[in-house]
Amino acid sequence: MAAPAKKAAKAPAPVRTVPAKAAAPVPVKSAAAAALEAAASQARAALQSQMKAWEDGVRQFSLKKFSAAHAYFKEAASGPAAHIADKARSYGQICERRMGGAALDLKTAEDHFTYGVERLNARDIETARKHLDRALVLDPNAEHILFTLALCCIDWRMTGISAKVRRCARNPAIA
């Protein structure tokens, strides 16, 4: 038998080269845009740091670890968000009082009012009433002090409330 005939080999197809697409231009940032982006990044980092300090402070405060909480609140008070810094300063003052390290230095009606509200929230009615009375002496026309003082008078016996309510009723600015 005869050997089968070999088929002629096909010539390889010519390779077509496709021109490469030009790479997309990389946007070039101006120095001002880069500086703005860096500042925004730093602001975000500072806010995150402040929030973490605030959350850690609240956690320590709830565990009644006032010394540790005070340190966190002090850090949060120096952060960029004003509303968080204000709360952190208030809680820091509460921590100082609870630790017994800070003597009260109440001079203005607002100082006495703020401390009175804090004592009222802590259910220390007698101390709250004393400071709210002092605040009312210093600022006799302050309606918010008068109303808060009236809250101190509302107890199970309702002592002293009638005079405070009559005074509120006589003040036309309140009605």
N, C-alpha and C. Protein backbone atom coordinates (compact mmCIF):
# COMPACT_ATOMS: atom_id res chain seq x y z
N MET A 1 0.80 -1.15 0.00
CA MET A 1 0.00 0.00 0.00
C MET A 1 0.85 1.23 0.00
N ALA A 2 0.29 2.13 -0.63
CA ALA A 2 1.07 3.35 -0.78
C ALA A 2 0.81 4.26 0.41
N ALA A 3 1.80 4.94 0.77
CA ALA A 3 1.69 5.87 1.90
C ALA A 3 0.79 7.02 1.52
N PRO A 4 -0.03 7.43 2.46
CA PRO A 4 -0.94 8.54 2.13
C PRO A 4 -0.14 9.78 1.83
N ALA A 5 -0.67 10.55 0.97
CA ALA A 5 0.02 11.77 0.56
C ALA A 5 -0.15 12.83 1.65
N LYS A 6 0.92 13.50 1.91
CA LYS A 6 0.88 14.55 2.93
C LYS A 6 0.20 15.76 2.34
N LYS A 7 -0.61 16.34 3.17
CA LYS A 7 -1.26 17.56 2.75
C LYS A 7 -0.25 18.68 2.85
N ALA A 8 -0.40 19.56 1.96
CA ALA A 8 0.50 20.70 1.97
C ALA A 8 0.18 21.57 3.18
N ALA A 9 1.18 21.98 3.90
CA ALA A 9 1.00 22.81 5.09
C ALA A 9 0.56 24.19 4.68
N LYS A 10 -0.40 24.68 5.42
CA LYS A 10 -0.89 26.02 5.13
C LYS A 10 0.10 27.02 5.68
N ALA A 11 0.19 28.08 4.99
CA ALA A 11 1.05 29.17 5.47
C ALA A 11 0.33 29.86 6.62
N PRO A 12 1.07 30.22 7.64
CA PRO A 12 0.42 30.89 8.78
C PRO A 12 -0.22 32.18 8.33
N ALA A 13 -1.36 32.47 8.97
CA ALA A 13 -2.09 33.69 8.63
C ALA A 13 -1.25 34.88 9.08
N PRO A 14 -1.29 35.91 8.32
CA PRO A 14 -0.51 37.09 8.74
C PRO A 14 -1.09 37.66 10.03
N VAL A 15 -0.24 38.09 10.91
CA VAL A 15 -0.64 38.66 12.21
C VAL A 15 -0.92 40.14 11.99
N ARG A 16 -2.12 40.48 12.38
CA ARG A 16 -2.46 41.90 12.28
C ARG A 16 -2.13 42.57 13.60
N THR A 17 -1.56 43.66 13.52
CA THR A 17 -1.27 44.41 14.74
C THR A 17 -2.26 45.57 14.83
N VAL A 18 -2.87 45.65 16.00
CA VAL A 18 -3.83 46.73 16.25
C VAL A 18 -3.08 47.80 17.01
N PRO A 19 -3.20 49.00 16.55
CA PRO A 19 -2.48 50.04 17.29
C PRO A 19 -3.01 50.11 18.73
N ALA A 20 -2.13 50.21 19.68
CA ALA A 20 -2.50 50.28 21.09
C ALA A 20 -3.26 51.58 21.34
N LYS A 21 -4.29 51.45 22.22
CA LYS A 21 -5.05 52.64 22.56
C LYS A 21 -4.18 53.51 23.43
N ALA A 22 -4.34 54.76 23.23
CA ALA A 22 -3.58 55.70 24.05
C ALA A 22 -4.11 55.62 25.48
N ALA A 23 -3.24 55.62 26.44
CA ALA A 23 -3.64 55.57 27.84
C ALA A 23 -4.42 56.83 28.17
N ALA A 24 -5.42 56.65 29.04
CA ALA A 24 -6.23 57.80 29.44
C ALA A 24 -5.31 58.79 30.16
N PRO A 25 -5.50 60.05 29.90
CA PRO A 25 -4.64 61.02 30.57
C PRO A 25 -4.91 61.02 32.08
N VAL A 26 -3.86 61.04 32.83
CA VAL A 26 -3.97 61.08 34.28
C VAL A 26 -4.22 62.53 34.67
N PRO A 27 -5.32 62.77 35.41
CA PRO A 27 -5.58 64.16 35.77
C PRO A 27 -4.48 64.67 36.69
N VAL A 28 -4.06 65.83 36.42
CA VAL A 28 -3.01 66.45 37.20
C VAL A 28 -3.68 67.40 38.19
N LYS A 29 -3.41 67.18 39.46
CA LYS A 29 -4.00 68.02 40.49
C LYS A 29 -3.16 69.26 40.66
N SER A 30 -3.87 70.33 40.83
CA SER A 30 -3.14 71.56 41.11
C SER A 30 -2.68 71.51 42.56
N ALA A 31 -1.76 72.33 42.89
CA ALA A 31 -1.25 72.36 44.26
C ALA A 31 -2.36 72.76 45.23
N ALA A 32 -3.23 73.66 44.80
CA ALA A 32 -4.32 74.11 45.67
C ALA A 32 -5.31 72.96 45.92
N ALA A 33 -5.61 72.19 44.86
CA ALA A 33 -6.53 71.07 45.02
C ALA A 33 -5.92 70.00 45.93
N ALA A 34 -4.65 69.75 45.78
CA ALA A 34 -3.98 68.76 46.64
C ALA A 34 -3.98 69.22 48.09
N ALA A 35 -3.74 70.50 48.30
CA ALA A 35 -3.74 71.04 49.66
C ALA A 35 -5.14 70.97 50.27
N LEU A 36 -6.15 71.26 49.47
CA LEU A 36 -7.53 71.20 49.94
C LEU A 36 -7.91 69.76 50.31
N GLU A 37 -7.51 68.82 49.47
CA GLU A 37 -7.79 67.42 49.74
C GLU A 37 -7.08 66.95 51.02
N ALA A 38 -5.86 67.39 51.22
CA ALA A 38 -5.12 67.02 52.41
C ALA A 38 -5.78 67.62 53.66
N ALA A 39 -6.24 68.86 53.56
CA ALA A 39 -6.89 69.50 54.69
C ALA A 39 -8.20 68.80 55.03
N ALA A 40 -8.95 68.40 54.01
CA ALA A 40 -10.21 67.68 54.24
C ALA A 40 -9.94 66.33 54.90
N SER A 41 -8.89 65.68 54.47
CA SER A 41 -8.53 64.39 55.06
C SER A 41 -8.15 64.56 56.53
N GLN A 42 -7.39 65.62 56.84
CA GLN A 42 -7.01 65.87 58.22
C GLN A 42 -8.23 66.21 59.07
N ALA A 43 -9.17 66.97 58.51
CA ALA A 43 -10.39 67.33 59.25
C ALA A 43 -11.22 66.09 59.55
N ARG A 44 -11.33 65.19 58.58
CA ARG A 44 -12.07 63.93 58.81
C ARG A 44 -11.39 63.11 59.91
N ALA A 45 -10.08 63.05 59.86
CA ALA A 45 -9.35 62.29 60.87
C ALA A 45 -9.52 62.91 62.26
N ALA A 46 -9.50 64.24 62.34
CA ALA A 46 -9.68 64.91 63.63
C ALA A 46 -11.08 64.68 64.18
N LEU A 47 -12.08 64.71 63.32
CA LEU A 47 -13.46 64.46 63.75
C LEU A 47 -13.63 63.02 64.21
N GLN A 48 -13.03 62.08 63.49
CA GLN A 48 -13.11 60.67 63.90
C GLN A 48 -12.42 60.46 65.24
N SER A 49 -11.29 61.13 65.43
CA SER A 49 -10.58 61.03 66.70
C SER A 49 -11.41 61.60 67.85
N GLN A 50 -12.07 62.75 67.57
CA GLN A 50 -12.91 63.38 68.60
C GLN A 50 -14.09 62.46 68.95
N MET A 51 -14.71 61.88 67.93
CA MET A 51 -15.85 60.98 68.17
C MET A 51 -15.42 59.75 68.97
N LYS A 52 -14.26 59.21 68.65
CA LYS A 52 -13.77 58.04 69.39
C LYS A 52 -13.51 58.41 70.84
N ALA A 53 -12.89 59.56 71.08
CA ALA A 53 -12.63 60.00 72.46
C ALA A 53 -13.95 60.20 73.21
N TRP A 54 -14.94 60.80 72.54
CA TRP A 54 -16.25 61.01 73.16
C TRP A 54 -16.89 59.67 73.54
N GLU A 55 -16.89 58.72 72.60
CA GLU A 55 -17.51 57.42 72.85
C GLU A 55 -16.79 56.68 73.97
N ASP A 56 -15.46 56.74 73.98
CA ASP A 56 -14.70 56.09 75.05
C ASP A 56 -14.99 56.76 76.40
N GLY A 57 -15.11 58.08 76.39
CA GLY A 57 -15.43 58.81 77.63
C GLY A 57 -16.79 58.42 78.17
N VAL A 58 -17.78 58.34 77.30
CA VAL A 58 -19.13 57.94 77.72
C VAL A 58 -19.12 56.52 78.27
N ARG A 59 -18.37 55.64 77.62
CA ARG A 59 -18.27 54.25 78.09
C ARG A 59 -17.67 54.21 79.50
N GLN A 60 -16.58 54.95 79.72
CA GLN A 60 -15.95 54.97 81.04
C GLN A 60 -16.86 55.64 82.08
N PHE A 61 -17.56 56.68 81.65
CA PHE A 61 -18.47 57.39 82.55
C PHE A 61 -19.58 56.45 83.02
N SER A 62 -20.12 55.66 82.11
CA SER A 62 -21.20 54.74 82.47
C SER A 62 -20.71 53.64 83.40
N LEU A 63 -19.42 53.35 83.34
CA LEU A 63 -18.82 52.37 84.25
C LEU A 63 -18.38 53.00 85.57
N LYS A 64 -18.64 54.32 85.70
CA LYS A 64 -18.28 55.11 86.88
C LYS A 64 -16.77 55.18 87.09
N LYS A 65 -16.03 55.12 86.00
CA LYS A 65 -14.57 55.30 86.03
C LYS A 65 -14.32 56.75 85.62
N PHE A 66 -14.52 57.66 86.57
CA PHE A 66 -14.53 59.08 86.26
C PHE A 66 -13.17 59.64 85.88
N SER A 67 -12.11 59.09 86.43
CA SER A 67 -10.78 59.58 86.09
C SER A 67 -10.46 59.29 84.62
N ALA A 68 -10.72 58.08 84.19
CA ALA A 68 -10.47 57.72 82.79
C ALA A 68 -11.41 58.48 81.87
N ALA A 69 -12.68 58.59 82.28
CA ALA A 69 -13.65 59.32 81.47
C ALA A 69 -13.24 60.78 81.31
N HIS A 70 -12.74 61.37 82.39
CA HIS A 70 -12.32 62.78 82.35
C HIS A 70 -11.22 62.98 81.30
N ALA A 71 -10.28 62.07 81.23
CA ALA A 71 -9.20 62.18 80.25
C ALA A 71 -9.75 62.13 78.82
N TYR A 72 -10.68 61.23 78.58
CA TYR A 72 -11.28 61.14 77.24
C TYR A 72 -12.10 62.39 76.92
N PHE A 73 -12.87 62.87 77.89
CA PHE A 73 -13.68 64.07 77.65
C PHE A 73 -12.79 65.30 77.40
N LYS A 74 -11.67 65.36 78.08
CA LYS A 74 -10.74 66.47 77.87
C LYS A 74 -10.20 66.43 76.44
N GLU A 75 -9.90 65.23 75.94
CA GLU A 75 -9.43 65.08 74.57
C GLU A 75 -10.54 65.46 73.58
N ALA A 76 -11.76 65.01 73.85
CA ALA A 76 -12.88 65.31 72.95
C ALA A 76 -13.21 66.80 72.96
N ALA A 77 -12.97 67.47 74.06
CA ALA A 77 -13.27 68.91 74.16
C ALA A 77 -12.38 69.75 73.27
N SER A 78 -11.26 69.21 72.85
CA SER A 78 -10.34 69.97 71.99
C SER A 78 -10.53 69.66 70.51
N GLY A 79 -11.58 68.89 70.19
CA GLY A 79 -11.82 68.51 68.81
C GLY A 79 -12.52 69.59 68.00
N PRO A 80 -12.71 69.34 66.71
CA PRO A 80 -13.24 70.36 65.81
C PRO A 80 -14.76 70.57 65.88
N ALA A 81 -15.52 69.56 66.28
CA ALA A 81 -16.98 69.70 66.31
C ALA A 81 -17.39 70.40 67.60
N ALA A 82 -17.97 71.59 67.47
CA ALA A 82 -18.29 72.41 68.64
C ALA A 82 -19.33 71.76 69.54
N HIS A 83 -20.34 71.11 68.96
CA HIS A 83 -21.38 70.52 69.80
C HIS A 83 -20.85 69.36 70.63
N ILE A 84 -19.91 68.62 70.09
CA ILE A 84 -19.30 67.52 70.85
C ILE A 84 -18.36 68.09 71.91
N ALA A 85 -17.59 69.10 71.54
CA ALA A 85 -16.66 69.72 72.48
C ALA A 85 -17.40 70.30 73.68
N ASP A 86 -18.55 70.93 73.43
CA ASP A 86 -19.33 71.53 74.51
C ASP A 86 -19.84 70.45 75.47
N LYS A 87 -20.38 69.38 74.93
CA LYS A 87 -20.85 68.29 75.79
C LYS A 87 -19.69 67.67 76.56
N ALA A 88 -18.56 67.51 75.88
CA ALA A 88 -17.40 66.90 76.54
C ALA A 88 -16.92 67.76 77.71
N ARG A 89 -16.93 69.09 77.53
CA ARG A 89 -16.54 69.97 78.64
C ARG A 89 -17.50 69.82 79.82
N SER A 90 -18.79 69.74 79.54
CA SER A 90 -19.78 69.58 80.61
C SER A 90 -19.58 68.27 81.35
N TYR A 91 -19.40 67.19 80.61
CA TYR A 91 -19.19 65.89 81.25
C TYR A 91 -17.85 65.86 81.99
N GLY A 92 -16.86 66.55 81.46
CA GLY A 92 -15.57 66.63 82.15
C GLY A 92 -15.71 67.30 83.51
N GLN A 93 -16.54 68.37 83.57
CA GLN A 93 -16.78 69.04 84.84
C GLN A 93 -17.50 68.12 85.82
N ILE A 94 -18.44 67.35 85.31
CA ILE A 94 -19.15 66.40 86.17
C ILE A 94 -18.17 65.36 86.72
N CYS A 95 -17.27 64.90 85.87
CA CYS A 95 -16.25 63.93 86.32
C CYS A 95 -15.38 64.53 87.41
N GLU A 96 -14.98 65.79 87.22
CA GLU A 96 -14.15 66.44 88.24
C GLU A 96 -14.88 66.50 89.58
N ARG A 97 -16.16 66.86 89.54
CA ARG A 97 -16.93 66.92 90.79
C ARG A 97 -17.08 65.54 91.42
N ARG A 98 -17.30 64.53 90.59
CA ARG A 98 -17.49 63.18 91.12
C ARG A 98 -16.18 62.63 91.70
N MET A 99 -15.07 63.08 91.13
CA MET A 99 -13.78 62.63 91.65
C MET A 99 -13.42 63.42 92.91
N GLY A 100 -14.12 64.53 93.14
CA GLY A 100 -13.86 65.34 94.32
C GLY A 100 -12.67 66.26 94.16
N GLY A 101 -12.16 66.39 92.96
CA GLY A 101 -10.97 67.21 92.76
C GLY A 101 -11.24 68.68 92.51
N ALA A 102 -12.44 69.02 92.12
CA ALA A 102 -12.71 70.41 91.77
C ALA A 102 -13.62 71.05 92.80
N ALA A 103 -13.20 72.17 93.32
CA ALA A 103 -14.04 72.94 94.22
C ALA A 103 -14.99 73.77 93.37
N LEU A 104 -16.19 73.94 93.86
CA LEU A 104 -17.16 74.71 93.11
C LEU A 104 -16.79 76.19 93.13
N ASP A 105 -16.79 76.79 91.98
CA ASP A 105 -16.51 78.22 91.86
C ASP A 105 -17.67 78.83 91.07
N LEU A 106 -18.79 78.96 91.76
CA LEU A 106 -20.00 79.44 91.12
C LEU A 106 -20.17 80.92 91.43
N LYS A 107 -20.13 81.74 90.39
CA LYS A 107 -20.20 83.19 90.59
C LYS A 107 -21.45 83.79 89.96
N THR A 108 -21.81 83.34 88.79
CA THR A 108 -22.91 83.97 88.06
C THR A 108 -24.21 83.18 88.26
N ALA A 109 -25.29 83.80 87.85
CA ALA A 109 -26.59 83.13 87.92
C ALA A 109 -26.59 81.87 87.05
N GLU A 110 -25.97 81.96 85.87
CA GLU A 110 -25.92 80.79 84.99
C GLU A 110 -25.09 79.66 85.60
N ASP A 111 -24.02 79.99 86.32
CA ASP A 111 -23.23 78.96 87.00
C ASP A 111 -24.10 78.21 88.01
N HIS A 112 -24.80 78.98 88.84
CA HIS A 112 -25.66 78.36 89.85
C HIS A 112 -26.80 77.59 89.19
N PHE A 113 -27.36 78.14 88.12
CA PHE A 113 -28.45 77.46 87.41
C PHE A 113 -27.97 76.12 86.85
N THR A 114 -26.82 76.12 86.18
CA THR A 114 -26.31 74.89 85.57
C THR A 114 -26.03 73.83 86.63
N TYR A 115 -25.42 74.26 87.73
CA TYR A 115 -25.15 73.30 88.80
C TYR A 115 -26.45 72.81 89.43
N GLY A 116 -27.41 73.71 89.59
CA GLY A 116 -28.70 73.32 90.14
C GLY A 116 -29.40 72.29 89.27
N VAL A 117 -29.34 72.47 87.95
CA VAL A 117 -29.95 71.50 87.04
C VAL A 117 -29.24 70.16 87.14
N GLU A 118 -27.92 70.20 87.25
CA GLU A 118 -27.19 68.93 87.38
C GLU A 118 -27.58 68.21 88.66
N ARG A 119 -27.72 68.95 89.75
CA ARG A 119 -28.14 68.35 91.02
C ARG A 119 -29.58 67.86 90.95
N LEU A 120 -30.43 68.59 90.23
CA LEU A 120 -31.82 68.17 90.05
C LEU A 120 -31.87 66.85 89.28
N ASN A 121 -31.06 66.73 88.24
CA ASN A 121 -31.00 65.49 87.47
C ASN A 121 -30.47 64.33 88.29
N ALA A 122 -29.63 64.63 89.27
CA ALA A 122 -29.09 63.59 90.15
C ALA A 122 -30.03 63.31 91.33
N ARG A 123 -31.19 63.94 91.33
CA ARG A 123 -32.22 63.80 92.37
C ARG A 123 -31.75 64.33 93.73
N ASP A 124 -30.82 65.26 93.72
CA ASP A 124 -30.37 65.93 94.94
C ASP A 124 -31.16 67.24 95.02
N ILE A 125 -32.41 67.15 95.42
CA ILE A 125 -33.36 68.25 95.33
C ILE A 125 -32.95 69.42 96.23
N GLU A 126 -32.51 69.14 97.43
CA GLU A 126 -32.18 70.23 98.36
C GLU A 126 -31.02 71.09 97.84
N THR A 127 -29.97 70.44 97.36
CA THR A 127 -28.84 71.19 96.81
C THR A 127 -29.25 71.94 95.55
N ALA A 128 -30.06 71.30 94.72
CA ALA A 128 -30.55 71.96 93.50
C ALA A 128 -31.34 73.20 93.86
N ARG A 129 -32.22 73.07 94.83
CA ARG A 129 -33.07 74.21 95.23
C ARG A 129 -32.22 75.37 95.76
N LYS A 130 -31.21 75.03 96.56
CA LYS A 130 -30.33 76.07 97.12
C LYS A 130 -29.64 76.85 96.00
N HIS A 131 -29.11 76.16 95.01
CA HIS A 131 -28.39 76.84 93.93
C HIS A 131 -29.34 77.57 92.98
N LEU A 132 -30.51 77.01 92.75
CA LEU A 132 -31.47 77.70 91.91
C LEU A 132 -32.01 78.95 92.60
N ASP A 133 -32.20 78.87 93.94
CA ASP A 133 -32.58 80.08 94.70
C ASP A 133 -31.52 81.16 94.56
N ARG A 134 -30.26 80.76 94.68
CA ARG A 134 -29.15 81.72 94.56
C ARG A 134 -29.11 82.31 93.15
N ALA A 135 -29.35 81.49 92.14
CA ALA A 135 -29.38 81.98 90.76
C ALA A 135 -30.50 82.98 90.57
N LEU A 136 -31.64 82.73 91.18
CA LEU A 136 -32.77 83.65 91.06
C LEU A 136 -32.51 84.97 91.77
N VAL A 137 -31.75 84.93 92.87
CA VAL A 137 -31.36 86.17 93.55
C VAL A 137 -30.45 86.98 92.64
N LEU A 138 -29.52 86.30 91.97
CA LEU A 138 -28.57 87.00 91.09
C LEU A 138 -29.23 87.52 89.81
N ASP A 139 -30.26 86.82 89.33
CA ASP A 139 -30.96 87.24 88.11
C ASP A 139 -32.47 87.03 88.32
N PRO A 140 -33.13 88.00 88.98
CA PRO A 140 -34.53 87.80 89.36
C PRO A 140 -35.50 87.73 88.18
N ASN A 141 -35.12 88.15 87.00
CA ASN A 141 -36.02 88.14 85.85
C ASN A 141 -35.80 86.95 84.92
N ALA A 142 -34.99 86.01 85.31
CA ALA A 142 -34.69 84.86 84.45
C ALA A 142 -35.80 83.82 84.58
N GLU A 143 -36.61 83.73 83.54
CA GLU A 143 -37.76 82.84 83.56
C GLU A 143 -37.35 81.37 83.64
N HIS A 144 -36.27 81.01 82.93
CA HIS A 144 -35.86 79.60 82.94
C HIS A 144 -35.44 79.15 84.34
N ILE A 145 -34.85 80.07 85.11
CA ILE A 145 -34.46 79.73 86.49
C ILE A 145 -35.72 79.55 87.34
N LEU A 146 -36.67 80.45 87.16
CA LEU A 146 -37.90 80.38 87.93
C LEU A 146 -38.66 79.09 87.67
N PHE A 147 -38.79 78.72 86.42
CA PHE A 147 -39.49 77.49 86.10
C PHE A 147 -38.76 76.26 86.63
N THR A 148 -37.43 76.24 86.53
CA THR A 148 -36.67 75.10 87.04
C THR A 148 -36.78 75.02 88.55
N LEU A 149 -36.77 76.17 89.20
CA LEU A 149 -36.95 76.19 90.65
C LEU A 149 -38.34 75.66 91.03
N ALA A 150 -39.33 75.99 90.23
CA ALA A 150 -40.67 75.46 90.49
C ALA A 150 -40.67 73.93 90.40
N LEU A 151 -39.86 73.37 89.51
CA LEU A 151 -39.76 71.91 89.43
C LEU A 151 -39.22 71.31 90.72
N CYS A 152 -38.33 72.03 91.38
CA CYS A 152 -37.80 71.54 92.65
C CYS A 152 -38.89 71.52 93.72
N CYS A 153 -39.83 72.42 93.59
CA CYS A 153 -40.89 72.52 94.60
C CYS A 153 -41.96 71.46 94.41
N ILE A 154 -42.02 70.88 93.23
CA ILE A 154 -43.03 69.85 92.99
C ILE A 154 -42.50 68.55 93.58
N ASP A 155 -42.99 68.23 94.73
CA ASP A 155 -42.66 66.96 95.35
C ASP A 155 -43.95 66.34 95.87
N TRP A 156 -43.86 65.27 96.59
CA TRP A 156 -45.06 64.57 97.05
C TRP A 156 -45.89 65.43 97.98
N ARG A 157 -45.28 66.35 98.69
CA ARG A 157 -46.01 67.19 99.63
C ARG A 157 -46.44 68.50 98.98
N MET A 158 -45.88 68.82 97.78
CA MET A 158 -46.19 70.05 97.05
C MET A 158 -45.86 71.31 97.87
N THR A 159 -44.79 71.28 98.64
CA THR A 159 -44.44 72.42 99.48
C THR A 159 -43.84 73.54 98.65
N GLY A 160 -44.29 74.75 98.93
CA GLY A 160 -43.70 75.94 98.32
C GLY A 160 -44.10 76.21 96.89
N ILE A 161 -44.92 75.37 96.30
CA ILE A 161 -45.21 75.56 94.89
C ILE A 161 -46.18 76.70 94.64
N SER A 162 -47.10 76.95 95.56
CA SER A 162 -48.14 77.94 95.30
C SER A 162 -47.55 79.33 95.08
N ALA A 163 -46.56 79.73 95.87
CA ALA A 163 -45.94 81.06 95.69
C ALA A 163 -45.22 81.15 94.35
N LYS A 164 -44.56 80.09 93.95
CA LYS A 164 -43.83 80.10 92.68
C LYS A 164 -44.81 80.17 91.50
N VAL A 165 -45.91 79.43 91.61
CA VAL A 165 -46.90 79.46 90.52
C VAL A 165 -47.56 80.82 90.46
N ARG A 166 -47.88 81.41 91.62
CA ARG A 166 -48.48 82.76 91.62
C ARG A 166 -47.53 83.76 90.97
N ARG A 167 -46.24 83.63 91.25
CA ARG A 167 -45.27 84.56 90.67
C ARG A 167 -45.22 84.39 89.15
N CYS A 168 -45.27 83.15 88.66
CA CYS A 168 -45.30 82.91 87.23
C CYS A 168 -46.55 83.51 86.60
N ALA A 169 -47.67 83.39 87.29
CA ALA A 169 -48.93 83.89 86.74
C ALA A 169 -48.94 85.41 86.68
N ARG A 170 -48.25 86.08 87.61
CA ARG A 170 -48.22 87.55 87.62
C ARG A 170 -47.28 88.12 86.57
N ASN A 171 -46.33 87.35 86.09
CA ASN A 171 -45.35 87.86 85.14
C ASN A 171 -45.94 87.80 83.73
N PRO A 172 -46.28 88.96 83.13
CA PRO A 172 -46.90 88.94 81.80
C PRO A 172 -45.96 88.44 80.72
N ALA A 173 -44.67 88.51 80.93
CA ALA A 173 -43.72 88.05 79.91
C ALA A 173 -43.76 86.54 79.79
N ILE A 174 -44.14 85.86 80.84
CA ILE A 174 -44.17 84.40 80.82
C ILE A 174 -45.40 83.90 80.07
N ALA A 175 -46.54 84.58 80.29
CA ALA A 175 -47.80 84.11 79.71
C ALA A 175 -47.88 84.30 78.24
